[in-house]
């Protein structure tokens, strides 16, 4: 509305500057109804031009982008604006003539030269209105893009910080002194009792650490590779815990080439073994399987220790943090009176 009023007022001012004698000499000698009609028609005229400009702008934004083809967009928009203004001039002239029958015929104060310059002036104002609307659109678009870029930069900085924290957590998990001490203790006992089993234990212990050192910094790894690592890791667990742990693995072969963050399964099993009893009379059962939702599920029976060890939260937080960087889907943790279950998405 402000643009319509401003344009209408400015058109009167420019009209006075260009035609100070031929038009304005009789203007205020007209009857009041005629002056009101003249103002009303001008307001309607420039309102129509403003609305036309907005309509053209919106239609062309969907078809010809300023970002992709700026010159083509400029030429097409200018052409449509000029043709539209010509059509509006014809319509307004007809309306003016109809209204003039009621308020009096126009006097012959405008000649051919003035009519030509008036037409040029109207075209100019039509293009100026179009330019203002375009500038407003581009400014808003620039602000939107600037906010998006700022948001992406903040998100990227947060992701880098989170990635660094996750990498540090992974390193702490790899160098867990309890894990190393427990396995070396088992190894020393096996070497004394059964050298062949001790040698096999050493090989699997080396496989586990080789996998941790090589793959822990990777973002993703195939489920197939993770399961190969899991075989070596479970060999260590079984020989350490004896019959106190039972592992049930049922993975759909079609899921083996899907991806997960490396060391995911180790962290889940380590979590289950750390916070539950592992007794041969009542063994801890850990089930690892895939479901139809492209999720890897790790579920263990709840056999809580009498004295629960202090929790650092590194394991689960590590996995949740990794998925925040890698996927829109998040891990799901479920707990009831009998089972503790974690579901993590398998990434394509």
C-alpha atoms as a PDB file:
ATOM      1  CA  UNK A   1       0.000   0.000   0.000  1.00  0.00           C
ATOM      2  CA  UNK A   2       2.857   2.369   0.839  1.00  0.00           C
ATOM      3  CA  UNK A   3       4.484   1.673  -2.523  1.00  0.00           C
ATOM      4  CA  UNK A   4       1.191   2.432  -4.340  1.00  0.00           C
ATOM      5  CA  UNK A   5       0.730   5.773  -2.547  1.00  0.00           C
ATOM      6  CA  UNK A   6       4.383   6.752  -3.014  1.00  0.00           C
ATOM      7  CA  UNK A   7       4.324   5.899  -6.732  1.00  0.00           C
ATOM      8  CA  UNK A   8       1.085   7.806  -7.285  1.00  0.00           C
ATOM      9  CA  UNK A   9       2.392  10.942  -5.522  1.00  0.00           C
ATOM     10  CA  UNK A  10       5.715  10.787  -7.337  1.00  0.00           C
ATOM     11  CA  UNK A  11       3.941  10.438 -10.690  1.00  0.00           C
ATOM     12  CA  UNK A  12       2.123  13.720 -10.020  1.00  0.00           C
ATOM     13  CA  UNK A  13       5.398  15.419  -9.097  1.00  0.00           C
ATOM     14  CA  UNK A  14       7.212  14.175 -12.222  1.00  0.00           C
ATOM     15  CA  UNK A  15       4.168  15.120 -14.303  1.00  0.00           C
ATOM     16  CA  UNK A  16       4.401  18.653 -13.001  1.00  0.00           C
ATOM     17  CA  UNK A  17       8.143  18.818 -13.732  1.00  0.00           C
ATOM     18  CA  UNK A  18       7.760  17.507 -17.302  1.00  0.00           C
ATOM     19  CA  UNK A  19       4.469  19.236 -18.212  1.00  0.00           C
ATOM     20  CA  UNK A  20       4.271  22.301 -15.981  1.00  0.00           C
ATOM     21  CA  UNK A  21       1.998  24.237 -18.356  1.00  0.00           C
ATOM     22  CA  UNK A  22      -0.033  21.934 -20.598  1.00  0.00           C
ATOM     23  CA  UNK A  23      -1.434  19.659 -17.871  1.00  0.00           C
ATOM     24  CA  UNK A  24      -1.311  21.504 -14.590  1.00  0.00           C
ATOM     25  CA  UNK A  25      -2.626  24.887 -15.740  1.00  0.00           C
ATOM     26  CA  UNK A  26      -6.217  23.584 -15.760  1.00  0.00           C
ATOM     27  CA  UNK A  27      -5.919  20.826 -13.191  1.00  0.00           C
ATOM     28  CA  UNK A  28      -7.166  22.731 -10.162  1.00  0.00           C
ATOM     29  CA  UNK A  29      -9.844  24.461 -12.224  1.00  0.00           C
ATOM     30  CA  UNK A  30     -11.544  21.095 -12.694  1.00  0.00           C
ATOM     31  CA  UNK A  31     -14.646  20.305 -10.651  1.00  0.00           C
ATOM     32  CA  UNK A  32     -13.978  18.435  -7.397  1.00  0.00           C
ATOM     33  CA  UNK A  33     -15.591  15.187  -8.615  1.00  0.00           C
ATOM     34  CA  UNK A  34     -13.266  15.220 -11.620  1.00  0.00           C
ATOM     35  CA  UNK A  35     -10.158  15.693  -9.418  1.00  0.00           C
ATOM     36  CA  UNK A  36     -11.286  12.877  -7.111  1.00  0.00           C
ATOM     37  CA  UNK A  37     -11.889  10.642 -10.117  1.00  0.00           C
ATOM     38  CA  UNK A  38      -8.434  11.472 -11.465  1.00  0.00           C
ATOM     39  CA  UNK A  39      -6.782  10.569  -8.132  1.00  0.00           C
ATOM     40  CA  UNK A  40      -8.854   7.380  -7.817  1.00  0.00           C
ATOM     41  CA  UNK A  41      -7.994   6.227 -11.333  1.00  0.00           C
ATOM     42  CA  UNK A  42      -4.299   6.893 -10.700  1.00  0.00           C
ATOM     43  CA  UNK A  43      -4.395   4.905  -7.453  1.00  0.00           C
ATOM     44  CA  UNK A  44      -6.122   2.007  -9.207  1.00  0.00           C
ATOM     45  CA  UNK A  45      -3.658   2.261 -12.077  1.00  0.00           C
ATOM     46  CA  UNK A  46      -0.528   2.045  -9.926  1.00  0.00           C
ATOM     47  CA  UNK A  47      -2.107  -0.573  -7.656  1.00  0.00           C
ATOM     48  CA  UNK A  48      -2.659  -2.706 -10.756  1.00  0.00           C
ATOM     49  CA  UNK A  49       0.978  -2.192 -11.836  1.00  0.00           C
ATOM     50  CA  UNK A  50       2.301  -3.135  -8.377  1.00  0.00           C
ATOM     51  CA  UNK A  51       0.145  -6.278  -8.257  1.00  0.00           C
ATOM     52  CA  UNK A  52       1.149  -7.158 -11.815  1.00  0.00           C
ATOM     53  CA  UNK A  53       4.812  -6.781 -10.900  1.00  0.00           C
ATOM     54  CA  UNK A  54       4.419  -9.055  -7.864  1.00  0.00           C
ATOM     55  CA  UNK A  55       2.529 -11.622  -9.943  1.00  0.00           C
ATOM     56  CA  UNK A  56       5.215 -11.665 -12.655  1.00  0.00           C
ATOM     57  CA  UNK A  57       7.940 -11.906  -9.996  1.00  0.00           C
ATOM     58  CA  UNK A  58       6.349 -14.913  -8.282  1.00  0.00           C
ATOM     59  CA  UNK A  59       5.651 -16.755 -11.549  1.00  0.00           C
ATOM     60  CA  UNK A  60       9.151 -16.233 -12.916  1.00  0.00           C
ATOM     61  CA  UNK A  61      10.778 -17.252  -9.624  1.00  0.00           C
ATOM     62  CA  UNK A  62       9.441 -20.769 -10.250  1.00  0.00           C
ATOM     63  CA  UNK A  63      10.547 -20.905 -13.898  1.00  0.00           C
ATOM     64  CA  UNK A  64      13.612 -18.699 -14.475  1.00  0.00           C
ATOM     65  CA  UNK A  65      15.929 -18.256 -11.500  1.00  0.00           C
ATOM     66  CA  UNK A  66      17.982 -15.096 -10.979  1.00  0.00           C
ATOM     67  CA  UNK A  67      20.823 -17.311  -9.759  1.00  0.00           C
ATOM     68  CA  UNK A  68      20.894 -19.572 -12.837  1.00  0.00           C
ATOM     69  CA  UNK A  69      20.131 -17.190 -15.747  1.00  0.00           C
ATOM     70  CA  UNK A  70      20.235 -13.542 -14.562  1.00  0.00           C
ATOM     71  CA  UNK A  71      20.342 -11.929 -18.050  1.00  0.00           C
ATOM     72  CA  UNK A  72      17.550 -14.117 -19.396  1.00  0.00           C
ATOM     73  CA  UNK A  73      15.477 -13.401 -16.306  1.00  0.00           C
ATOM     74  CA  UNK A  74      16.051  -9.631 -16.632  1.00  0.00           C
ATOM     75  CA  UNK A  75      14.960  -9.540 -20.290  1.00  0.00           C
ATOM     76  CA  UNK A  76      11.900 -11.745 -19.780  1.00  0.00           C
ATOM     77  CA  UNK A  77      10.746  -9.833 -16.713  1.00  0.00           C
ATOM     78  CA  UNK A  78      11.197  -6.445 -18.424  1.00  0.00           C
ATOM     79  CA  UNK A  79       9.261  -7.652 -21.491  1.00  0.00           C
ATOM     80  CA  UNK A  80       6.391  -9.035 -19.416  1.00  0.00           C
ATOM     81  CA  UNK A  81       6.298  -5.863 -17.340  1.00  0.00           C
ATOM     82  CA  UNK A  82       6.089  -3.589 -20.408  1.00  0.00           C
ATOM     83  CA  UNK A  83       3.374  -5.700 -22.054  1.00  0.00           C
ATOM     84  CA  UNK A  84       1.454  -5.863 -18.790  1.00  0.00           C
ATOM     85  CA  UNK A  85       1.642  -2.091 -18.278  1.00  0.00           C
ATOM     86  CA  UNK A  86       0.366  -1.503 -21.839  1.00  0.00           C
ATOM     87  CA  UNK A  87      -2.593  -3.764 -21.129  1.00  0.00           C
ATOM     88  CA  UNK A  88      -3.310  -1.933 -17.868  1.00  0.00           C
ATOM     89  CA  UNK A  89      -3.122   1.452 -19.666  1.00  0.00           C
ATOM     90  CA  UNK A  90      -5.759   0.304 -22.158  1.00  0.00           C
ATOM     91  CA  UNK A  91      -8.020  -1.001 -19.379  1.00  0.00           C
ATOM     92  CA  UNK A  92      -7.601   2.164 -17.287  1.00  0.00           C
ATOM     93  CA  UNK A  93      -8.306   4.371 -20.305  1.00  0.00           C
ATOM     94  CA  UNK A  94     -11.600   2.558 -20.857  1.00  0.00           C
ATOM     95  CA  UNK A  95     -12.499   2.885 -17.166  1.00  0.00           C
ATOM     96  CA  UNK A  96     -11.554   6.578 -17.274  1.00  0.00           C
ATOM     97  CA  UNK A  97     -13.839   7.185 -20.259  1.00  0.00           C
ATOM     98  CA  UNK A  98     -16.742   5.381 -18.599  1.00  0.00           C
ATOM     99  CA  UNK A  99     -16.347   7.385 -15.386  1.00  0.00           C
ATOM    100  CA  UNK A 100     -15.991  10.607 -17.361  1.00  0.00           C
ATOM    101  CA  UNK A 101     -19.567  10.195 -18.600  1.00  0.00           C
ATOM    102  CA  UNK A 102     -20.690  10.711 -15.014  1.00  0.00           C
ATOM    103  CA  UNK A 103     -18.311  13.432 -13.855  1.00  0.00           C
ATOM    104  CA  UNK A 104     -17.702  15.375 -17.047  1.00  0.00           C
ATOM    105  CA  UNK A 105     -15.703  14.930 -20.258  1.00  0.00           C
ATOM    106  CA  UNK A 106     -11.947  15.488 -20.122  1.00  0.00           C
ATOM    107  CA  UNK A 107     -10.695  18.703 -21.584  1.00  0.00           C
ATOM    108  CA  UNK A 108      -8.267  18.670 -24.506  1.00  0.00           C
ATOM    109  CA  UNK A 109      -5.283  19.868 -22.455  1.00  0.00           C
ATOM    110  CA  UNK A 110      -2.931  17.030 -23.466  1.00  0.00           C
ATOM    111  CA  UNK A 111      -1.402  16.783 -26.928  1.00  0.00           C
ATOM    112  CA  UNK A 112       0.405  14.047 -28.850  1.00  0.00           C
ATOM    113  CA  UNK A 113       3.837  15.009 -27.491  1.00  0.00           C
ATOM    114  CA  UNK A 114       2.590  15.002 -23.898  1.00  0.00           C
ATOM    115  CA  UNK A 115       0.790  11.688 -24.466  1.00  0.00           C
ATOM    116  CA  UNK A 116       4.014  10.106 -25.773  1.00  0.00           C
ATOM    117  CA  UNK A 117       6.059  11.319 -22.811  1.00  0.00           C
ATOM    118  CA  UNK A 118       3.298  10.220 -20.427  1.00  0.00           C
ATOM    119  CA  UNK A 119       3.437   6.727 -21.918  1.00  0.00           C
ATOM    120  CA  UNK A 120       7.239   6.628 -21.545  1.00  0.00           C
ATOM    121  CA  UNK A 121       6.915   7.878 -17.968  1.00  0.00           C
ATOM    122  CA  UNK A 122       4.367   5.210 -17.100  1.00  0.00           C
ATOM    123  CA  UNK A 123       6.614   2.514 -18.617  1.00  0.00           C
ATOM    124  CA  UNK A 124       9.506   3.847 -16.581  1.00  0.00           C
ATOM    125  CA  UNK A 125       7.484   3.710 -13.376  1.00  0.00           C
ATOM    126  CA  UNK A 126       6.337   0.196 -14.219  1.00  0.00           C
ATOM    127  CA  UNK A 127       9.945  -0.941 -14.598  1.00  0.00           C
ATOM    128  CA  UNK A 128      10.944   0.911 -11.423  1.00  0.00           C
ATOM    129  CA  UNK A 129       8.205  -0.860  -9.458  1.00  0.00           C
ATOM    130  CA  UNK A 130       9.412  -4.167 -10.893  1.00  0.00           C
ATOM    131  CA  UNK A 131      12.998  -3.296  -9.924  1.00  0.00           C
ATOM    132  CA  UNK A 132      11.955  -2.448  -6.348  1.00  0.00           C
ATOM    133  CA  UNK A 133      10.054  -5.746  -6.001  1.00  0.00           C
ATOM    134  CA  UNK A 134      13.002  -7.639  -7.462  1.00  0.00           C
ATOM    135  CA  UNK A 135      15.429  -5.895  -5.126  1.00  0.00           C
ATOM    136  CA  UNK A 136      13.203  -6.737  -2.158  1.00  0.00           C
ATOM    137  CA  UNK A 137      13.067 -10.390  -3.238  1.00  0.00           C
ATOM    138  CA  UNK A 138      16.834 -10.629  -3.772  1.00  0.00           C
ATOM    139  CA  UNK A 139      17.522  -8.942  -0.417  1.00  0.00           C
ATOM    140  CA  UNK A 140      15.242 -11.351   1.439  1.00  0.00           C
ATOM    141  CA  UNK A 141      16.759 -14.277  -0.457  1.00  0.00           C
ATOM    142  CA  UNK A 142      20.271 -13.057   0.419  1.00  0.00           C
ATOM    143  CA  UNK A 143      19.331 -12.765   4.101  1.00  0.00           C
ATOM    144  CA  UNK A 144      17.843 -16.271   4.050  1.00  0.00           C
ATOM    145  CA  UNK A 145      20.943 -17.732   2.396  1.00  0.00           C
ATOM    146  CA  UNK A 146      23.212 -15.824   4.786  1.00  0.00           C
ATOM    147  CA  UNK A 147      21.318 -17.284   7.757  1.00  0.00           C
ATOM    148  CA  UNK A 148      21.565 -20.770   6.228  1.00  0.00           C
ATOM    149  CA  UNK A 149      25.313 -20.395   5.682  1.00  0.00           C
ATOM    150  CA  UNK A 150      25.749 -19.138   9.237  1.00  0.00           C
ATOM    151  CA  UNK A 151      23.696 -22.082  10.496  1.00  0.00           C
ATOM    152  CA  UNK A 152      25.776 -24.550   8.462  1.00  0.00           C
ATOM    153  CA  UNK A 153      29.008 -23.010   9.764  1.00  0.00           C
ATOM    154  CA  UNK A 154      27.803 -23.295  13.359  1.00  0.00           C
ATOM    155  CA  UNK A 155      26.649 -26.875  12.740  1.00  0.00           C
ATOM    156  CA  UNK A 156      29.960 -27.759  11.089  1.00  0.00           C
ATOM    157  CA  UNK A 157      31.900 -26.311  14.020  1.00  0.00           C
ATOM    158  CA  UNK A 158      29.727 -28.262  16.454  1.00  0.00           C
ATOM    159  CA  UNK A 159      30.196 -31.436  14.394  1.00  0.00           C
ATOM    160  CA  UNK A 160      33.979 -30.983  14.339  1.00  0.00           C
ATOM    161  CA  UNK A 161      34.013 -30.528  18.099  1.00  0.00           C
ATOM    162  CA  UNK A 162      31.753 -33.557  18.549  1.00  0.00           C
ATOM    163  CA  UNK A 163      33.909 -35.636  16.180  1.00  0.00           C
ATOM    164  CA  UNK A 164      37.031 -34.711  18.148  1.00  0.00           C
ATOM    165  CA  UNK A 165      35.337 -35.691  21.413  1.00  0.00           C
ATOM    166  CA  UNK A 166      34.161 -38.996  19.916  1.00  0.00           C
ATOM    167  CA  UNK A 167      37.646 -39.767  18.609  1.00  0.00           C
ATOM    168  CA  UNK A 168      39.060 -39.107  22.079  1.00  0.00           C
ATOM    169  CA  UNK A 169      36.419 -41.374  23.607  1.00  0.00           C
ATOM    170  CA  UNK A 170      37.265 -44.123  21.098  1.00  0.00           C
ATOM    171  CA  UNK A 171      40.949 -43.826  21.990  1.00  0.00           C
ATOM    172  CA  UNK A 172      40.131 -44.121  25.698  1.00  0.00           C
ATOM    173  CA  UNK A 173      38.074 -47.228  24.970  1.00  0.00           C
ATOM    174  CA  UNK A 174      40.859 -48.797  22.920  1.00  0.00           C
ATOM    175  CA  UNK A 175      43.406 -48.239  25.681  1.00  0.00           C
ATOM    176  CA  UNK A 176      41.114 -49.400  28.494  1.00  0.00           C
ATOM    177  CA  UNK A 177      43.674 -50.735  31.016  1.00  0.00           C
ATOM    178  CA  UNK A 178      41.150 -53.195  32.496  1.00  0.00           C
ATOM    179  CA  UNK A 179      40.609 -54.775  29.083  1.00  0.00           C
ATOM    180  CA  UNK A 180      44.355 -55.137  28.503  1.00  0.00           C
ATOM    181  CA  UNK A 181      45.075 -56.388  32.039  1.00  0.00           C
ATOM    182  CA  UNK A 182      42.253 -58.964  32.015  1.00  0.00           C
ATOM    183  CA  UNK A 183      43.295 -60.405  28.665  1.00  0.00           C
ATOM    184  CA  UNK A 184      46.977 -60.555  29.576  1.00  0.00           C
ATOM    185  CA  UNK A 185      46.062 -62.346  32.807  1.00  0.00           C
ATOM    186  CA  UNK A 186      44.021 -64.919  30.884  1.00  0.00           C
ATOM    187  CA  UNK A 187      46.833 -65.279  28.343  1.00  0.00           C
ATOM    188  CA  UNK A 188      49.459 -65.967  31.014  1.00  0.00           C
ATOM    189  CA  UNK A 189      47.253 -68.683  32.536  1.00  0.00           C
ATOM    190  CA  UNK A 190      46.554 -70.293  29.153  1.00  0.00           C
ATOM    191  CA  UNK A 191      50.237 -70.401  28.212  1.00  0.00           C
ATOM    192  CA  UNK A 192      50.937 -72.398  31.377  1.00  0.00           C
ATOM    193  CA  UNK A 193      47.973 -74.761  30.904  1.00  0.00           C
ATOM    194  CA  UNK A 194      47.532 -75.087  27.123  1.00  0.00           C
ATOM    195  CA  UNK A 195      50.170 -73.584  24.840  1.00  0.00           C
ATOM    196  CA  UNK A 196      48.155 -74.203  21.654  1.00  0.00           C
ATOM    197  CA  UNK A 197      45.101 -72.422  23.075  1.00  0.00           C
ATOM    198  CA  UNK A 198      47.394 -69.699  24.400  1.00  0.00           C
ATOM    199  CA  UNK A 199      48.811 -69.193  20.917  1.00  0.00           C
ATOM    200  CA  UNK A 200      45.282 -68.987  19.453  1.00  0.00           C
ATOM    201  CA  UNK A 201      44.307 -66.531  22.185  1.00  0.00           C
ATOM    202  CA  UNK A 202      47.339 -64.381  21.341  1.00  0.00           C
ATOM    203  CA  UNK A 203      46.373 -64.354  17.648  1.00  0.00           C
ATOM    204  CA  UNK A 204      42.804 -63.247  18.383  1.00  0.00           C
ATOM    205  CA  UNK A 205      44.007 -60.645  20.879  1.00  0.00           C
ATOM    206  CA  UNK A 206      46.282 -59.251  18.144  1.00  0.00           C
ATOM    207  CA  UNK A 207      43.386 -59.285  15.635  1.00  0.00           C
ATOM    208  CA  UNK A 208      41.229 -57.278  18.023  1.00  0.00           C
ATOM    209  CA  UNK A 209      43.862 -54.610  18.607  1.00  0.00           C
ATOM    210  CA  UNK A 210      44.831 -54.484  14.935  1.00  0.00           C
ATOM    211  CA  UNK A 211      41.183 -53.870  14.040  1.00  0.00           C
ATOM    212  CA  UNK A 212      40.851 -51.178  16.707  1.00  0.00           C
ATOM    213  CA  UNK A 213      43.978 -49.350  15.575  1.00  0.00           C
ATOM    214  CA  UNK A 214      43.199 -49.542  11.844  1.00  0.00           C
ATOM    215  CA  UNK A 215      39.449 -48.918  11.803  1.00  0.00           C
ATOM    216  CA  UNK A 216      38.552 -46.863  14.867  1.00  0.00           C
ATOM    217  CA  UNK A 217      39.041 -43.553  13.025  1.00  0.00           C
ATOM    218  CA  UNK A 218      36.931 -44.617  10.049  1.00  0.00           C
ATOM    219  CA  UNK A 219      33.422 -43.231   9.910  1.00  0.00           C
ATOM    220  CA  UNK A 220      31.757 -46.405   8.637  1.00  0.00           C
ATOM    221  CA  UNK A 221      32.580 -50.032   7.978  1.00  0.00           C
ATOM    222  CA  UNK A 222      30.553 -52.921   6.534  1.00  0.00           C
ATOM    223  CA  UNK A 223      28.648 -55.150   8.898  1.00  0.00           C
ATOM    224  CA  UNK A 224      30.522 -58.087   7.352  1.00  0.00           C
ATOM    225  CA  UNK A 225      33.890 -56.679   8.525  1.00  0.00           C
ATOM    226  CA  UNK A 226      32.507 -55.819  11.948  1.00  0.00           C
ATOM    227  CA  UNK A 227      31.286 -59.400  12.405  1.00  0.00           C
ATOM    228  CA  UNK A 228      34.720 -60.796  11.483  1.00  0.00           C
ATOM    229  CA  UNK A 229      36.200 -58.610  14.207  1.00  0.00           C
ATOM    230  CA  UNK A 230      33.442 -59.750  16.556  1.00  0.00           C
ATOM    231  CA  UNK A 231      34.485 -63.409  16.118  1.00  0.00           C
ATOM    232  CA  UNK A 232      37.964 -62.595  17.442  1.00  0.00           C
ATOM    233  CA  UNK A 233      36.564 -60.458  20.262  1.00  0.00           C
ATOM    234  CA  UNK A 234      34.062 -63.131  21.344  1.00  0.00           C
ATOM    235  CA  UNK A 235      36.845 -65.709  21.384  1.00  0.00           C
ATOM    236  CA  UNK A 236      38.531 -63.596  24.062  1.00  0.00           C
ATOM    237  CA  UNK A 237      35.285 -63.149  26.013  1.00  0.00           C
ATOM    238  CA  UNK A 238      34.398 -66.872  25.955  1.00  0.00           C
ATOM    239  CA  UNK A 239      37.830 -67.883  27.190  1.00  0.00           C
ATOM    240  CA  UNK A 240      37.725 -65.219  29.865  1.00  0.00           C
ATOM    241  CA  UNK A 241      34.170 -65.810  31.088  1.00  0.00           C
ATOM    242  CA  UNK A 242      33.861 -69.522  30.388  1.00  0.00           C
ATOM    243  CA  UNK A 243      30.231 -70.639  30.249  1.00  0.00           C
ATOM    244  CA  UNK A 244      29.003 -67.483  31.937  1.00  0.00           C
ATOM    245  CA  UNK A 245      28.184 -65.836  28.581  1.00  0.00           C
ATOM    246  CA  UNK A 246      26.108 -67.153  25.699  1.00  0.00           C
ATOM    247  CA  UNK A 247      26.155 -65.265  22.394  1.00  0.00           C
ATOM    248  CA  UNK A 248      23.413 -65.776  19.814  1.00  0.00           C
ATOM    249  CA  UNK A 249      24.059 -64.240  16.388  1.00  0.00           C
ATOM    250  CA  UNK A 250      21.456 -64.221  13.620  1.00  0.00           C
ATOM    251  CA  UNK A 251      22.185 -61.708  10.855  1.00  0.00           C
ATOM    252  CA  UNK A 252      20.341 -61.642   7.526  1.00  0.00           C
ATOM    253  CA  UNK A 253      22.949 -62.152   4.786  1.00  0.00           C
ATOM    254  CA  UNK A 254      21.343 -59.385   2.710  1.00  0.00           C
ATOM    255  CA  UNK A 255      22.344 -56.902   5.443  1.00  0.00           C
ATOM    256  CA  UNK A 256      26.053 -57.781   5.515  1.00  0.00           C
ATOM    257  CA  UNK A 257      27.109 -55.026   3.096  1.00  0.00           C
ATOM    258  CA  UNK A 258      25.257 -52.296   4.990  1.00  0.00           C
ATOM    259  CA  UNK A 259      27.343 -49.956   7.127  1.00  0.00           C
ATOM    260  CA  UNK A 260      27.790 -49.173  10.813  1.00  0.00           C
ATOM    261  CA  UNK A 261      30.361 -47.193  12.804  1.00  0.00           C
ATOM    262  CA  UNK A 262      33.341 -49.450  13.590  1.00  0.00           C
ATOM    263  CA  UNK A 263      33.669 -51.013  17.059  1.00  0.00           C
ATOM    264  CA  UNK A 264      29.911 -50.654  17.643  1.00  0.00           C
ATOM    265  CA  UNK A 265      29.408 -54.306  18.585  1.00  0.00           C
ATOM    266  CA  UNK A 266      32.439 -54.378  20.877  1.00  0.00           C
ATOM    267  CA  UNK A 267      31.110 -51.404  22.834  1.00  0.00           C
ATOM    268  CA  UNK A 268      27.668 -52.999  23.259  1.00  0.00           C
ATOM    269  CA  UNK A 269      29.038 -56.377  24.368  1.00  0.00           C
ATOM    270  CA  UNK A 270      31.564 -54.745  26.673  1.00  0.00           C
ATOM    271  CA  UNK A 271      28.686 -52.768  28.209  1.00  0.00           C
ATOM    272  CA  UNK A 272      26.634 -55.960  28.731  1.00  0.00           C
ATOM    273  CA  UNK A 273      29.517 -57.898  30.304  1.00  0.00           C
ATOM    274  CA  UNK A 274      30.602 -55.004  32.521  1.00  0.00           C
ATOM    275  CA  UNK A 275      27.249 -54.403  34.247  1.00  0.00           C
ATOM    276  CA  UNK A 276      25.835 -57.941  34.505  1.00  0.00           C
ATOM    277  CA  UNK A 277      26.710 -61.182  36.266  1.00  0.00           C
ATOM    278  CA  UNK A 278      28.295 -63.938  34.179  1.00  0.00           C
ATOM    279  CA  UNK A 279      27.638 -67.208  35.998  1.00  0.00           C
ATOM    280  CA  UNK A 280      27.571 -70.683  34.454  1.00  0.00           C
ATOM    281  CA  UNK A 281      24.451 -71.597  36.470  1.00  0.00           C
ATOM    282  CA  UNK A 282      22.620 -68.530  35.158  1.00  0.00           C
ATOM    283  CA  UNK A 283      24.547 -67.265  32.115  1.00  0.00           C
ATOM    284  CA  UNK A 284      24.273 -63.851  30.543  1.00  0.00           C
ATOM    285  CA  UNK A 285      22.579 -64.229  27.136  1.00  0.00           C
ATOM    286  CA  UNK A 286      23.480 -61.681  24.454  1.00  0.00           C
ATOM    287  CA  UNK A 287      21.490 -61.786  21.195  1.00  0.00           C
ATOM    288  CA  UNK A 288      22.712 -60.022  18.068  1.00  0.00           C
ATOM    289  CA  UNK A 289      20.372 -59.943  15.072  1.00  0.00           C
ATOM    290  CA  UNK A 290      19.024 -57.790  12.242  1.00  0.00           C
ATOM    291  CA  UNK A 291      15.394 -56.794  11.719  1.00  0.00           C
ATOM    292  CA  UNK A 292      13.215 -55.704   8.798  1.00  0.00           C
ATOM    293  CA  UNK A 293      13.769 -52.010   9.586  1.00  0.00           C
ATOM    294  CA  UNK A 294      17.442 -52.199   8.577  1.00  0.00           C
ATOM    295  CA  UNK A 295      18.488 -52.120  12.205  1.00  0.00           C
ATOM    296  CA  UNK A 296      21.111 -54.099  14.078  1.00  0.00           C
ATOM    297  CA  UNK A 297      19.731 -55.211  17.440  1.00  0.00           C
ATOM    298  CA  UNK A 298      21.838 -56.153  20.460  1.00  0.00           C
ATOM    299  CA  UNK A 299      19.829 -57.425  23.419  1.00  0.00           C
ATOM    300  CA  UNK A 300      21.051 -58.910  26.687  1.00  0.00           C
ATOM    301  CA  UNK A 301      19.303 -60.382  29.694  1.00  0.00           C
ATOM    302  CA  UNK A 302      19.414 -58.239  32.811  1.00  0.00           C
ATOM    303  CA  UNK A 303      21.476 -59.834  35.573  1.00  0.00           C
ATOM    304  CA  UNK A 304      22.677 -56.735  37.434  1.00  0.00           C
ATOM    305  CA  UNK A 305      25.699 -56.967  39.682  1.00  0.00           C
ATOM    306  CA  UNK A 306      25.219 -56.508  43.410  1.00  0.00           C
ATOM    307  CA  UNK A 307      27.805 -53.756  43.351  1.00  0.00           C
ATOM    308  CA  UNK A 308      27.434 -51.828  40.113  1.00  0.00           C
ATOM    309  CA  UNK A 309      30.725 -50.338  38.853  1.00  0.00           C
ATOM    310  CA  UNK A 310      31.000 -46.631  38.154  1.00  0.00           C
ATOM    311  CA  UNK A 311      29.806 -45.733  34.664  1.00  0.00           C
ATOM    312  CA  UNK A 312      31.697 -43.295  32.433  1.00  0.00           C
ATOM    313  CA  UNK A 313      28.999 -43.470  29.741  1.00  0.00           C
ATOM    314  CA  UNK A 314      31.709 -43.415  27.081  1.00  0.00           C
ATOM    315  CA  UNK A 315      30.505 -46.470  25.158  1.00  0.00           C
ATOM    316  CA  UNK A 316      26.875 -45.558  24.508  1.00  0.00           C
ATOM    317  CA  UNK A 317      27.624 -41.849  24.181  1.00  0.00           C
ATOM    318  CA  UNK A 318      30.273 -42.679  21.593  1.00  0.00           C
ATOM    319  CA  UNK A 319      27.778 -44.555  19.406  1.00  0.00           C
ATOM    320  CA  UNK A 320      25.009 -41.964  19.825  1.00  0.00           C
ATOM    321  CA  UNK A 321      27.466 -39.186  18.971  1.00  0.00           C
ATOM    322  CA  UNK A 322      28.687 -40.981  15.859  1.00  0.00           C
ATOM    323  CA  UNK A 323      25.162 -41.513  14.559  1.00  0.00           C
ATOM    324  CA  UNK A 324      24.377 -37.836  15.129  1.00  0.00           C
ATOM    325  CA  UNK A 325      27.090 -37.079  12.551  1.00  0.00           C
ATOM    326  CA  UNK A 326      26.300 -39.903  10.118  1.00  0.00           C
ATOM    327  CA  UNK A 327      22.531 -40.332   9.907  1.00  0.00           C
ATOM    328  CA  UNK A 328      19.161 -38.738  10.585  1.00  0.00           C
ATOM    329  CA  UNK A 329      18.128 -41.984  12.272  1.00  0.00           C
ATOM    330  CA  UNK A 330      19.129 -42.347  15.897  1.00  0.00           C
ATOM    331  CA  UNK A 331      19.958 -45.392  18.027  1.00  0.00           C
ATOM    332  CA  UNK A 332      17.050 -46.624  20.152  1.00  0.00           C
ATOM    333  CA  UNK A 333      17.618 -47.854  23.712  1.00  0.00           C
ATOM    334  CA  UNK A 334      14.929 -49.980  25.388  1.00  0.00           C
ATOM    335  CA  UNK A 335      14.945 -51.434  28.879  1.00  0.00           C
ATOM    336  CA  UNK A 336      12.426 -53.536  30.781  1.00  0.00           C
ATOM    337  CA  UNK A 337      12.612 -55.824  33.808  1.00  0.00           C
ATOM    338  CA  UNK A 338      14.214 -58.674  31.842  1.00  0.00           C
ATOM    339  CA  UNK A 339      16.206 -57.232  28.933  1.00  0.00           C
ATOM    340  CA  UNK A 340      18.342 -54.306  27.879  1.00  0.00           C
ATOM    341  CA  UNK A 341      18.125 -53.687  24.112  1.00  0.00           C
ATOM    342  CA  UNK A 342      19.910 -51.332  21.740  1.00  0.00           C
ATOM    343  CA  UNK A 343      18.875 -50.841  18.107  1.00  0.00           C
ATOM    344  CA  UNK A 344      21.207 -49.036  15.726  1.00  0.00           C
ATOM    345  CA  UNK A 345      20.394 -48.154  12.092  1.00  0.00           C
ATOM    346  CA  UNK A 346      22.271 -49.934   9.316  1.00  0.00           C
ATOM    347  CA  UNK A 347      23.353 -47.271   6.829  1.00  0.00           C
ATOM    348  CA  UNK A 348      23.193 -47.824   3.073  1.00  0.00           C
END
